[in-house]
Amino acid sequence: MSTRCLPGPTTFWAIREPTPGEQWRALFEATWSSYRAWYLQDGDVARPRLDVARRQLGSHMPELMPTWERLVELAGDDETAARMLTLWNPPAFLPGCSQAVLTGDTPALVRNYDYRPDLCERVVYSSAFTGRRVLGMSDCLWGLVDGMNDAGLAVSVAFGGRRGVGEGFGIPLVVRYLLEVAESVADVEAVLAGLPVNMSYNLTVLDRDADAATIFVAPGTRPEVFGLPAATNHRGTTPDDPEHARAFHSVQRQQVLLNSLQQQPELDAFVTEFLTPPLYNTAYEQGFGTMYTAVYRPAEGVADFVWPPSSWRRGFDSPSDTCTVTLGAADDDAVPRSGARPKAGPVVRVQTGLDEQPGPAEAREVTSGRDAQDRTPDELADMARAAIDGLARSHDPAAFAHLLELSQQIGECLGVSARNLAAGRSWSGVADLAGTTRQAAWARWRRC
């Protein structure tokens, strides 16, 4: 088994600053060298000219122009900073993340933000840039990856699973803009219809009336609205990129959320799900570690940021502060400290069949006594048959989703096995086992 490398104590900052001032300047000075390296990673010519970037921001988000101009001033009129702060055609940004809306007596948007600690800004920013109060987790110095506004709207973002980059804005500024100008799910849909984005994302939205939706956006396409209360890292319920979805357990995580929501859980119990695998992840070095769990209750103007075993409550008027936590501590006894909010009950591990396993960078293990490499092919085949048969007999929708994933994985593994066998023997040996010709076996399985 590979050894997990977990981060040590990690500090999150809270800034309350209605309009950008000295606190924002301090944030810029502390992070600009890293952001500059990120922005110019593909060379200066890969990023848009300042006049182009400014024109696009003014055309699509005019309400943000006065704030952008103030930020550029605070950044010392640095041209590269000015370009980066428009977030027009930035480099790729692929957060993992699981997010869902719980309605009922306590409507809330709950999400896990999965990313690399060294690339996470870790700043909760409370502002009133356009006069509307907005609170959320900052990214790219003034964008947001999740947040809420004083109109009762909450939004969070996760990578949408469709590869490729196009012309458009980086998603953190899109989330910021939505919370500055929109009040309802319908408003969000209308704004997104005219707003170009540079990559595919799922935006999960909750408003004051407890209306909710997940909206899939991608470059060059119209937004798609799904009546799904939960989203992970694929479009709708069917991944465009099954390989990526499988590597990050995207279908499994979504099914866990949907199954939980069907039970109409209390908010505390629902938050506990997010503190438990497979929603809670610890592959931090591979960019798939849970940085925090956010619980937004926009109708109440309250957000809780949760880490096992602690939580941190923020409101629009909460003063600037810091919070130091330990990442990766989720286990059977990991619950928020007594007296903290939300008061999660005991963590119950989710059992969802074959895909209960470590993150994508870690070796899969056979947990029934001996490692896979110590078992014979017949033993492994018997175990696989029993597990597949168990999934087939289950009435749980998650079982069907796993079988769909497994069917594709089996096809891919056949190719791997065939090439390994051919390398050790010959394609004729593969053909004999497959009951086909050497040419047919080579044509079918020669490619990765």
Protein backbone atom coordinates (compact mmCIF):
# COMPACT_ATOMS: atom_id res chain seq x y z
CA MET A 1 0.00 0.00 0.00
CA SER A 2 1.31 3.44 -0.88
CA THR A 3 1.86 5.90 1.95
CA ARG A 4 -0.33 8.98 1.99
CA CYS A 5 1.54 12.25 2.31
CA LEU A 6 -0.85 14.49 4.23
CA PRO A 7 -0.36 18.23 4.72
CA GLY A 8 0.51 19.55 8.16
CA PRO A 9 -1.36 22.37 9.92
CA THR A 10 -2.96 24.60 7.29
CA THR A 11 -4.15 28.17 7.85
CA PHE A 12 -7.21 29.71 6.24
CA TRP A 13 -7.71 33.47 6.29
CA ALA A 14 -10.90 35.51 6.41
CA ILE A 15 -10.95 39.02 4.95
CA ARG A 16 -13.84 41.40 5.50
CA GLU A 17 -13.29 44.38 3.23
CA PRO A 18 -16.31 45.92 1.45
CA THR A 19 -14.15 47.43 -1.28
CA PRO A 20 -10.57 46.43 -2.13
CA GLY A 21 -8.07 48.07 0.17
CA GLU A 22 -5.02 47.28 2.27
CA GLN A 23 -6.11 43.73 3.08
CA TRP A 24 -6.45 42.93 -0.61
CA ARG A 25 -3.09 44.60 -1.31
CA ALA A 26 -1.48 42.36 1.34
CA LEU A 27 -3.07 39.30 -0.28
CA PHE A 28 -1.76 40.37 -3.68
CA GLU A 29 1.77 40.96 -2.38
CA ALA A 30 1.81 37.58 -0.62
CA THR A 31 0.59 35.58 -3.63
CA TRP A 32 1.47 37.51 -6.79
CA SER A 33 4.73 35.73 -7.58
CA SER A 34 2.91 32.38 -7.58
CA TYR A 35 -0.04 33.72 -9.57
CA ARG A 36 2.30 35.33 -12.09
CA ALA A 37 4.12 32.01 -12.61
CA TRP A 38 0.77 30.25 -13.07
CA TYR A 39 -0.55 32.86 -15.48
CA LEU A 40 2.60 32.85 -17.65
CA GLN A 41 3.26 29.10 -17.49
CA ASP A 42 2.74 28.78 -21.25
CA GLY A 43 4.63 31.99 -22.09
CA ASP A 44 3.51 35.59 -22.29
CA VAL A 45 2.19 35.29 -25.87
CA ALA A 46 -0.24 32.56 -24.80
CA ARG A 47 -2.17 35.10 -22.73
CA PRO A 48 -4.30 37.89 -24.23
CA ARG A 49 -3.10 41.48 -24.67
CA LEU A 50 -4.30 43.95 -22.06
CA ASP A 51 -6.52 45.87 -24.48
CA VAL A 52 -8.26 42.65 -25.56
CA ALA A 53 -8.72 41.38 -22.00
CA ARG A 54 -10.00 44.73 -20.76
CA ARG A 55 -12.46 45.01 -23.65
CA GLN A 56 -13.87 41.55 -22.95
CA LEU A 57 -14.31 42.28 -19.25
CA GLY A 58 -16.01 45.59 -19.97
CA SER A 59 -18.28 43.99 -22.57
CA HIS A 60 -19.41 40.99 -20.53
CA MET A 61 -19.10 42.14 -16.92
CA PRO A 62 -19.38 45.95 -16.91
CA GLU A 63 -20.51 45.99 -13.28
CA LEU A 64 -17.06 44.71 -12.28
CA MET A 65 -15.01 47.30 -14.16
CA PRO A 66 -14.71 49.83 -11.28
CA THR A 67 -13.50 47.08 -8.96
CA TRP A 68 -11.03 45.78 -11.55
CA GLU A 69 -9.61 49.27 -12.00
CA ARG A 70 -9.18 49.60 -8.23
CA LEU A 71 -7.42 46.22 -8.07
CA VAL A 72 -5.04 47.23 -10.86
CA GLU A 73 -4.25 50.42 -8.94
CA LEU A 74 -3.55 48.44 -5.75
CA ALA A 75 -1.34 46.08 -7.79
CA GLY A 76 0.87 49.02 -8.79
CA ASP A 77 -0.53 49.22 -12.33
CA ASP A 78 1.39 46.05 -13.19
CA GLU A 79 0.34 45.17 -16.77
CA THR A 80 0.62 41.41 -16.28
CA ALA A 81 -1.46 41.64 -13.11
CA ALA A 82 -4.04 43.73 -14.96
CA ARG A 83 -4.31 41.09 -17.67
CA MET A 84 -4.51 38.22 -15.20
CA LEU A 85 -7.18 39.93 -13.09
CA THR A 86 -9.58 40.03 -16.07
CA LEU A 87 -9.38 36.22 -16.12
CA TRP A 88 -9.99 36.31 -19.85
CA ASN A 89 -8.45 33.19 -21.44
CA PRO A 90 -6.45 32.10 -18.36
CA PRO A 91 -4.62 28.78 -18.01
CA ALA A 92 -6.58 25.61 -17.31
CA PHE A 93 -8.19 25.19 -13.88
CA LEU A 94 -9.53 21.72 -12.92
CA PRO A 95 -10.80 21.41 -9.34
CA GLY A 96 -12.25 18.01 -8.38
CA CYS A 97 -15.15 18.67 -5.99
CA SER A 98 -18.52 17.23 -5.00
CA GLN A 99 -21.52 19.50 -4.46
CA ALA A 100 -25.21 19.11 -3.67
CA VAL A 101 -28.30 21.01 -2.58
CA LEU A 102 -30.37 19.86 0.38
CA THR A 103 -33.84 21.37 0.53
CA GLY A 104 -36.46 20.92 3.23
CA ASP A 105 -36.51 22.67 6.59
CA THR A 106 -32.89 23.86 6.25
CA PRO A 107 -32.04 24.53 2.58
CA ALA A 108 -28.28 24.42 2.10
CA LEU A 109 -25.64 24.10 -0.60
CA VAL A 110 -22.94 21.72 0.62
CA ARG A 111 -19.70 21.10 -1.22
CA ASN A 112 -16.25 19.54 -0.91
CA TYR A 113 -13.47 21.44 -2.63
CA ASP A 114 -10.80 18.96 -3.78
CA TYR A 115 -7.50 20.42 -4.92
CA ARG A 116 -3.79 20.78 -4.12
CA PRO A 117 -2.97 22.70 -0.91
CA ASP A 118 -0.19 24.71 -2.57
CA LEU A 119 -2.61 25.89 -5.29
CA CYS A 120 -5.50 26.77 -2.98
CA GLU A 121 -5.73 30.43 -1.95
CA ARG A 122 -7.43 29.57 1.36
CA VAL A 123 -9.12 32.97 1.81
CA VAL A 124 -12.77 33.49 2.73
CA TYR A 125 -13.59 36.95 1.36
CA SER A 126 -16.54 39.06 2.52
CA SER A 127 -17.11 42.04 0.21
CA ALA A 128 -19.55 44.53 -1.26
CA PHE A 129 -17.76 45.37 -4.50
CA THR A 130 -20.94 46.41 -6.32
CA GLY A 131 -22.97 47.26 -3.23
CA ARG A 132 -24.26 43.72 -2.82
CA ARG A 133 -22.75 41.74 0.03
CA VAL A 134 -20.97 38.60 -1.13
CA LEU A 135 -19.16 35.97 0.92
CA GLY A 136 -17.18 33.05 -0.48
CA MET A 137 -13.93 31.17 -0.92
CA SER A 138 -11.59 33.35 -2.95
CA ASP A 139 -9.52 32.27 -5.94
CA CYS A 140 -7.41 34.21 -8.44
CA LEU A 141 -7.41 37.15 -5.99
CA TRP A 142 -11.01 38.26 -6.54
CA GLY A 143 -12.85 35.35 -8.09
CA LEU A 144 -14.71 32.73 -6.08
CA VAL A 145 -15.02 28.95 -6.27
CA ASP A 146 -18.13 28.96 -4.07
CA GLY A 147 -20.12 31.57 -2.22
CA MET A 148 -23.41 33.30 -1.44
CA ASN A 149 -24.90 36.78 -1.60
CA ASP A 150 -27.31 38.79 0.52
CA ALA A 151 -30.14 38.11 -1.95
CA GLY A 152 -30.15 34.48 -0.79
CA LEU A 153 -28.28 32.97 -3.74
CA ALA A 154 -25.49 30.37 -3.35
CA VAL A 155 -23.27 28.99 -6.12
CA SER A 156 -20.45 26.46 -6.23
CA VAL A 157 -18.35 25.12 -9.09
CA ALA A 158 -16.77 21.78 -10.03
CA PHE A 159 -14.87 20.71 -13.13
CA GLY A 160 -17.36 19.42 -15.73
CA GLY A 161 -15.24 16.56 -17.07
CA ARG A 162 -15.11 17.61 -20.73
CA ARG A 163 -11.52 18.20 -21.78
CA GLY A 164 -10.36 21.15 -23.82
CA VAL A 165 -9.90 24.89 -23.44
CA GLY A 166 -11.61 27.62 -25.44
CA GLU A 167 -12.12 31.37 -25.42
CA GLY A 168 -13.80 32.70 -22.34
CA PHE A 169 -13.48 33.70 -18.71
CA GLY A 170 -11.95 31.64 -15.96
CA ILE A 171 -14.69 30.17 -13.80
CA PRO A 172 -13.74 31.90 -10.51
CA LEU A 173 -14.63 35.29 -11.97
CA VAL A 174 -17.84 33.85 -13.45
CA VAL A 175 -18.92 32.72 -9.97
CA ARG A 176 -18.03 36.16 -8.57
CA TYR A 177 -20.07 37.88 -11.29
CA LEU A 178 -23.10 35.65 -10.76
CA LEU A 179 -23.15 36.49 -7.06
CA GLU A 180 -22.77 40.21 -7.80
CA VAL A 181 -25.67 40.47 -10.27
CA ALA A 182 -28.04 37.49 -9.83
CA GLU A 183 -30.70 36.74 -7.22
CA SER A 184 -32.33 33.52 -8.42
CA VAL A 185 -31.69 30.34 -10.37
CA ALA A 186 -33.51 31.92 -13.32
CA ASP A 187 -31.18 34.94 -13.15
CA VAL A 188 -28.14 32.65 -13.17
CA GLU A 189 -29.43 30.83 -16.26
CA ALA A 190 -29.99 34.13 -18.06
CA VAL A 191 -26.54 35.51 -17.21
CA LEU A 192 -24.72 32.32 -18.20
CA ALA A 193 -26.48 32.28 -21.57
CA GLY A 194 -24.42 35.30 -22.64
CA LEU A 195 -21.18 34.64 -20.76
CA PRO A 196 -18.32 32.73 -22.46
CA VAL A 197 -16.30 30.34 -20.27
CA ASN A 198 -12.92 28.85 -21.12
CA MET A 199 -13.50 25.30 -19.82
CA SER A 200 -16.30 22.90 -18.88
CA TYR A 201 -17.78 23.18 -15.40
CA ASN A 202 -20.80 22.24 -13.31
CA LEU A 203 -22.37 25.14 -11.44
CA THR A 204 -24.74 24.07 -8.67
CA VAL A 205 -27.11 26.82 -7.57
CA LEU A 206 -29.54 27.37 -4.68
CA ASP A 207 -31.71 30.48 -4.19
CA ARG A 208 -33.79 31.94 -1.38
CA ASP A 209 -36.94 30.16 -2.59
CA ALA A 210 -35.12 26.79 -2.37
CA ASP A 211 -35.08 26.48 -6.14
CA ALA A 212 -31.99 24.56 -7.24
CA ALA A 213 -30.28 23.40 -10.42
CA THR A 214 -26.99 22.22 -11.81
CA ILE A 215 -25.90 24.07 -14.94
CA PHE A 216 -23.23 22.61 -17.21
CA VAL A 217 -21.18 25.18 -19.12
CA ALA A 218 -18.44 24.66 -21.70
CA PRO A 219 -16.63 26.72 -24.36
CA GLY A 220 -18.65 27.43 -27.48
CA THR A 221 -21.86 25.76 -26.26
CA ARG A 222 -25.06 26.96 -24.65
CA PRO A 223 -25.43 26.19 -20.95
CA GLU A 224 -27.38 23.02 -20.14
CA VAL A 225 -29.68 23.05 -17.14
CA PHE A 226 -30.10 19.78 -15.28
CA GLY A 227 -32.67 19.21 -12.60
CA LEU A 228 -30.01 17.46 -10.57
CA PRO A 229 -29.46 18.42 -6.93
CA ALA A 230 -25.93 16.94 -7.00
CA ALA A 231 -22.91 17.23 -9.29
CA THR A 232 -19.36 15.98 -9.36
CA ASN A 233 -16.98 15.99 -12.33
CA HIS A 234 -19.01 14.95 -15.33
CA ARG A 235 -21.88 16.34 -17.38
CA GLY A 236 -25.34 15.29 -16.19
CA THR A 237 -25.25 11.62 -15.25
CA THR A 238 -23.21 10.36 -18.24
CA PRO A 239 -19.51 11.28 -18.46
CA ASP A 240 -18.16 12.73 -21.70
CA ASP A 241 -14.76 11.38 -20.62
CA PRO A 242 -15.32 8.01 -18.89
CA GLU A 243 -11.60 7.57 -18.24
CA HIS A 244 -11.37 10.82 -16.27
CA ALA A 245 -14.64 10.09 -14.46
CA ARG A 246 -13.43 6.65 -13.45
CA ALA A 247 -10.02 7.90 -12.25
CA PHE A 248 -11.71 10.38 -9.91
CA HIS A 249 -14.72 8.21 -8.96
CA SER A 250 -17.03 10.90 -10.35
CA VAL A 251 -20.07 8.69 -11.01
CA GLN A 252 -19.68 6.94 -7.68
CA ARG A 253 -19.51 10.22 -5.77
CA GLN A 254 -22.58 11.60 -7.54
CA GLN A 255 -24.53 8.41 -6.84
CA VAL A 256 -23.61 8.57 -3.15
CA LEU A 257 -25.00 12.11 -3.04
CA LEU A 258 -28.18 11.28 -4.96
CA ASN A 259 -28.82 8.19 -2.85
CA SER A 260 -28.34 10.20 0.33
CA LEU A 261 -30.68 12.96 -0.86
CA GLN A 262 -33.39 10.38 -1.59
CA GLN A 263 -33.43 9.62 2.14
CA GLN A 264 -34.17 13.29 2.92
CA PRO A 265 -31.46 13.50 5.60
CA GLU A 266 -31.09 16.17 8.24
CA LEU A 267 -28.43 18.74 7.38
CA ASP A 268 -26.02 17.51 10.06
CA ALA A 269 -26.17 13.95 8.77
CA PHE A 270 -25.77 15.14 5.18
CA VAL A 271 -22.65 17.12 6.07
CA THR A 272 -21.25 13.99 7.71
CA GLU A 273 -21.42 12.26 4.31
CA PHE A 274 -19.01 14.89 2.97
CA LEU A 275 -16.53 14.06 5.72
CA THR A 276 -16.46 10.42 4.69
CA PRO A 277 -14.93 8.60 1.69
CA PRO A 278 -15.62 8.52 -1.19
CA LEU A 279 -16.67 12.19 -0.96
CA TYR A 280 -13.75 13.02 1.33
CA ASN A 281 -10.41 12.54 -0.44
CA THR A 282 -6.77 12.67 0.67
CA ALA A 283 -4.76 12.44 -2.59
CA TYR A 284 -3.42 15.97 -1.99
CA GLU A 285 -0.23 15.57 -4.00
CA GLN A 286 -2.29 14.62 -7.06
CA GLY A 287 -4.65 17.59 -6.70
CA PHE A 288 -7.49 15.47 -5.31
CA GLY A 289 -7.49 16.21 -1.59
CA THR A 290 -10.42 17.75 0.23
CA MET A 291 -9.38 21.25 1.26
CA TYR A 292 -12.64 22.06 3.06
CA THR A 293 -16.34 21.29 3.23
CA ALA A 294 -18.51 24.38 2.79
CA VAL A 295 -22.10 24.58 4.02
CA TYR A 296 -23.95 27.62 2.67
CA ARG A 297 -27.34 28.60 4.07
CA PRO A 298 -27.94 31.72 1.97
CA ALA A 299 -31.43 32.44 3.32
CA GLU A 300 -29.82 32.81 6.75
CA GLY A 301 -26.64 34.51 5.54
CA VAL A 302 -24.46 31.88 7.21
CA ALA A 303 -21.61 29.73 5.88
CA ASP A 304 -19.80 26.99 7.80
CA PHE A 305 -16.40 25.73 6.66
CA VAL A 306 -15.85 22.27 8.08
CA TRP A 307 -12.83 20.04 8.63
CA PRO A 308 -12.83 16.96 10.78
CA PRO A 309 -12.89 17.59 13.67
CA SER A 310 -13.60 21.36 13.57
CA SER A 311 -15.69 24.00 11.82
CA TRP A 312 -15.57 27.75 11.26
CA ARG A 313 -18.69 29.90 10.91
CA ARG A 314 -18.68 33.04 8.79
CA GLY A 315 -21.32 35.64 8.03
CA PHE A 316 -21.25 38.77 5.90
CA ASP A 317 -20.28 40.90 8.92
CA SER A 318 -17.84 38.49 10.60
CA PRO A 319 -14.53 40.26 11.26
CA SER A 320 -11.27 39.35 9.55
CA ASP A 321 -9.77 36.31 11.20
CA THR A 322 -7.69 33.14 10.72
CA CYS A 323 -8.37 29.46 11.28
CA THR A 324 -5.70 26.75 11.42
CA VAL A 325 -6.79 23.18 10.66
CA THR A 326 -5.30 19.78 9.88
CA LEU A 327 -6.19 18.41 6.45
CA GLY A 328 -6.81 14.76 5.72
CA ALA A 329 -8.01 13.80 9.19
CA ALA A 330 -11.30 12.15 8.18
CA ASP A 331 -11.90 8.83 9.91
CA ASP A 332 -14.63 7.01 11.80
CA ASP A 333 -14.30 9.32 14.80
CA ALA A 334 -13.78 12.57 12.92
CA VAL A 335 -16.63 14.96 13.64
CA PRO A 336 -16.68 18.71 14.29
CA ARG A 337 -15.81 19.71 17.86
CA SER A 338 -18.63 19.87 20.35
CA GLY A 339 -20.35 23.23 20.17
CA ALA A 340 -19.21 23.93 16.61
CA ARG A 341 -21.65 24.20 13.74
CA PRO A 342 -22.75 22.10 12.01
CA LYS A 343 -22.91 19.45 14.74
CA ALA A 344 -22.32 16.35 12.66
CA GLY A 345 -23.21 13.00 14.16
CA PRO A 346 -20.98 9.93 14.05
CA VAL A 347 -19.46 9.32 10.65
CA VAL A 348 -20.88 6.25 8.88
CA ARG A 349 -18.72 4.96 6.06
CA VAL A 350 -20.51 4.68 2.73
CA GLN A 351 -20.34 1.20 1.20
CA THR A 352 -20.94 1.34 -2.55
CA GLY A 353 -19.61 -1.93 -3.91
CA LEU A 354 -16.44 -2.54 -5.84
CA ASP A 355 -15.35 1.07 -6.12
CA GLU A 356 -14.73 1.60 -2.38
CA GLN A 357 -10.99 2.30 -2.70
CA PRO A 358 -8.29 4.92 -2.20
CA GLY A 359 -7.87 7.92 -4.50
CA PRO A 360 -6.57 7.79 -8.09
CA ALA A 361 -2.89 7.92 -7.17
CA GLU A 362 -3.04 5.05 -4.74
CA ALA A 363 -2.80 1.34 -5.44
CA ARG A 364 -6.09 -0.57 -5.27
CA GLU A 365 -6.13 -3.30 -2.68
CA VAL A 366 -8.00 -6.53 -2.16
CA THR A 367 -9.18 -6.14 1.41
CA SER A 368 -10.32 -9.67 2.21
CA GLY A 369 -7.05 -10.90 3.63
CA ARG A 370 -4.38 -11.08 0.94
CA ASP A 371 -3.07 -8.66 -1.68
CA ALA A 372 -4.09 -9.12 -5.32
CA GLN A 373 -0.59 -10.10 -6.42
CA ASP A 374 -0.66 -13.01 -3.95
CA ARG A 375 -3.81 -14.54 -5.41
CA THR A 376 -4.11 -16.88 -8.35
CA PRO A 377 -5.98 -15.80 -11.51
CA ASP A 378 -8.72 -18.29 -10.65
CA GLU A 379 -9.16 -16.79 -7.19
CA LEU A 380 -9.28 -13.25 -8.55
CA ALA A 381 -11.77 -14.28 -11.24
CA ASP A 382 -14.03 -15.93 -8.66
CA MET A 383 -13.96 -12.77 -6.54
CA ALA A 384 -14.74 -10.59 -9.54
CA ARG A 385 -17.62 -12.82 -10.63
CA ALA A 386 -19.11 -12.79 -7.15
CA ALA A 387 -18.85 -9.00 -6.92
CA ILE A 388 -20.33 -8.43 -10.39
CA ASP A 389 -23.15 -10.86 -9.66
CA GLY A 390 -23.84 -9.01 -6.40
CA LEU A 391 -24.03 -5.70 -8.23
CA ALA A 392 -26.34 -7.18 -10.86
CA ARG A 393 -28.77 -8.42 -8.18
CA SER A 394 -28.83 -5.10 -6.34
CA HIS A 395 -31.75 -2.71 -6.72
CA ASP A 396 -29.54 0.25 -5.80
CA PRO A 397 -28.99 2.65 -8.77
CA ALA A 398 -25.35 2.93 -7.72
CA ALA A 399 -24.89 -0.76 -8.57
CA PHE A 400 -26.01 -0.17 -12.15
CA ALA A 401 -23.67 2.82 -12.43
CA HIS A 402 -20.77 0.69 -11.22
CA LEU A 403 -21.57 -2.03 -13.75
CA LEU A 404 -21.51 0.56 -16.53
CA GLU A 405 -18.08 1.72 -15.40
CA LEU A 406 -16.83 -1.84 -15.00
CA SER A 407 -17.97 -2.84 -18.48
CA GLN A 408 -15.71 -0.22 -20.01
CA GLN A 409 -12.88 -0.98 -17.62
CA ILE A 410 -13.01 -4.66 -18.54
CA GLY A 411 -12.65 -3.74 -22.22
CA GLU A 412 -9.62 -1.60 -21.46
CA CYS A 413 -8.09 -4.27 -19.23
CA LEU A 414 -8.50 -6.86 -21.98
CA GLY A 415 -6.28 -4.71 -24.15
CA VAL A 416 -3.67 -4.36 -21.40
CA SER A 417 -3.69 -8.11 -20.74
CA ALA A 418 -3.48 -8.95 -24.45
CA ARG A 419 -0.49 -6.68 -24.99
CA ASN A 420 1.25 -8.08 -21.92
CA LEU A 421 0.67 -11.63 -23.14
CA ALA A 422 1.82 -10.80 -26.65
CA ALA A 423 4.99 -9.19 -25.31
CA GLY A 424 5.82 -12.28 -23.30
CA ARG A 425 4.81 -14.80 -25.95
CA SER A 426 3.23 -13.80 -29.25
CA TRP A 427 0.04 -12.50 -30.81
CA SER A 428 -0.64 -16.07 -31.91
CA GLY A 429 -0.98 -17.07 -28.26
CA VAL A 430 -3.44 -14.23 -27.70
CA ALA A 431 -5.41 -15.32 -30.79
CA ASP A 432 -5.62 -18.92 -29.58
CA LEU A 433 -7.07 -17.87 -26.22
CA ALA A 434 -9.49 -15.44 -27.85
CA GLY A 435 -10.61 -17.93 -30.50
CA THR A 436 -9.74 -15.65 -33.37
CA THR A 437 -6.96 -15.07 -35.88
CA ARG A 438 -3.61 -13.56 -35.09
CA GLN A 439 -4.36 -10.60 -37.37
CA ALA A 440 -7.74 -9.98 -35.75
CA ALA A 441 -6.26 -10.10 -32.24
CA TRP A 442 -3.46 -7.73 -33.21
CA ALA A 443 -5.88 -5.29 -34.88
CA ARG A 444 -8.21 -5.26 -31.88
CA TRP A 445 -5.77 -4.95 -29.01
CA ARG A 446 -2.50 -3.55 -30.33
CA ARG A 447 -3.29 0.04 -29.29
CA CYS A 448 -3.40 1.44 -25.77
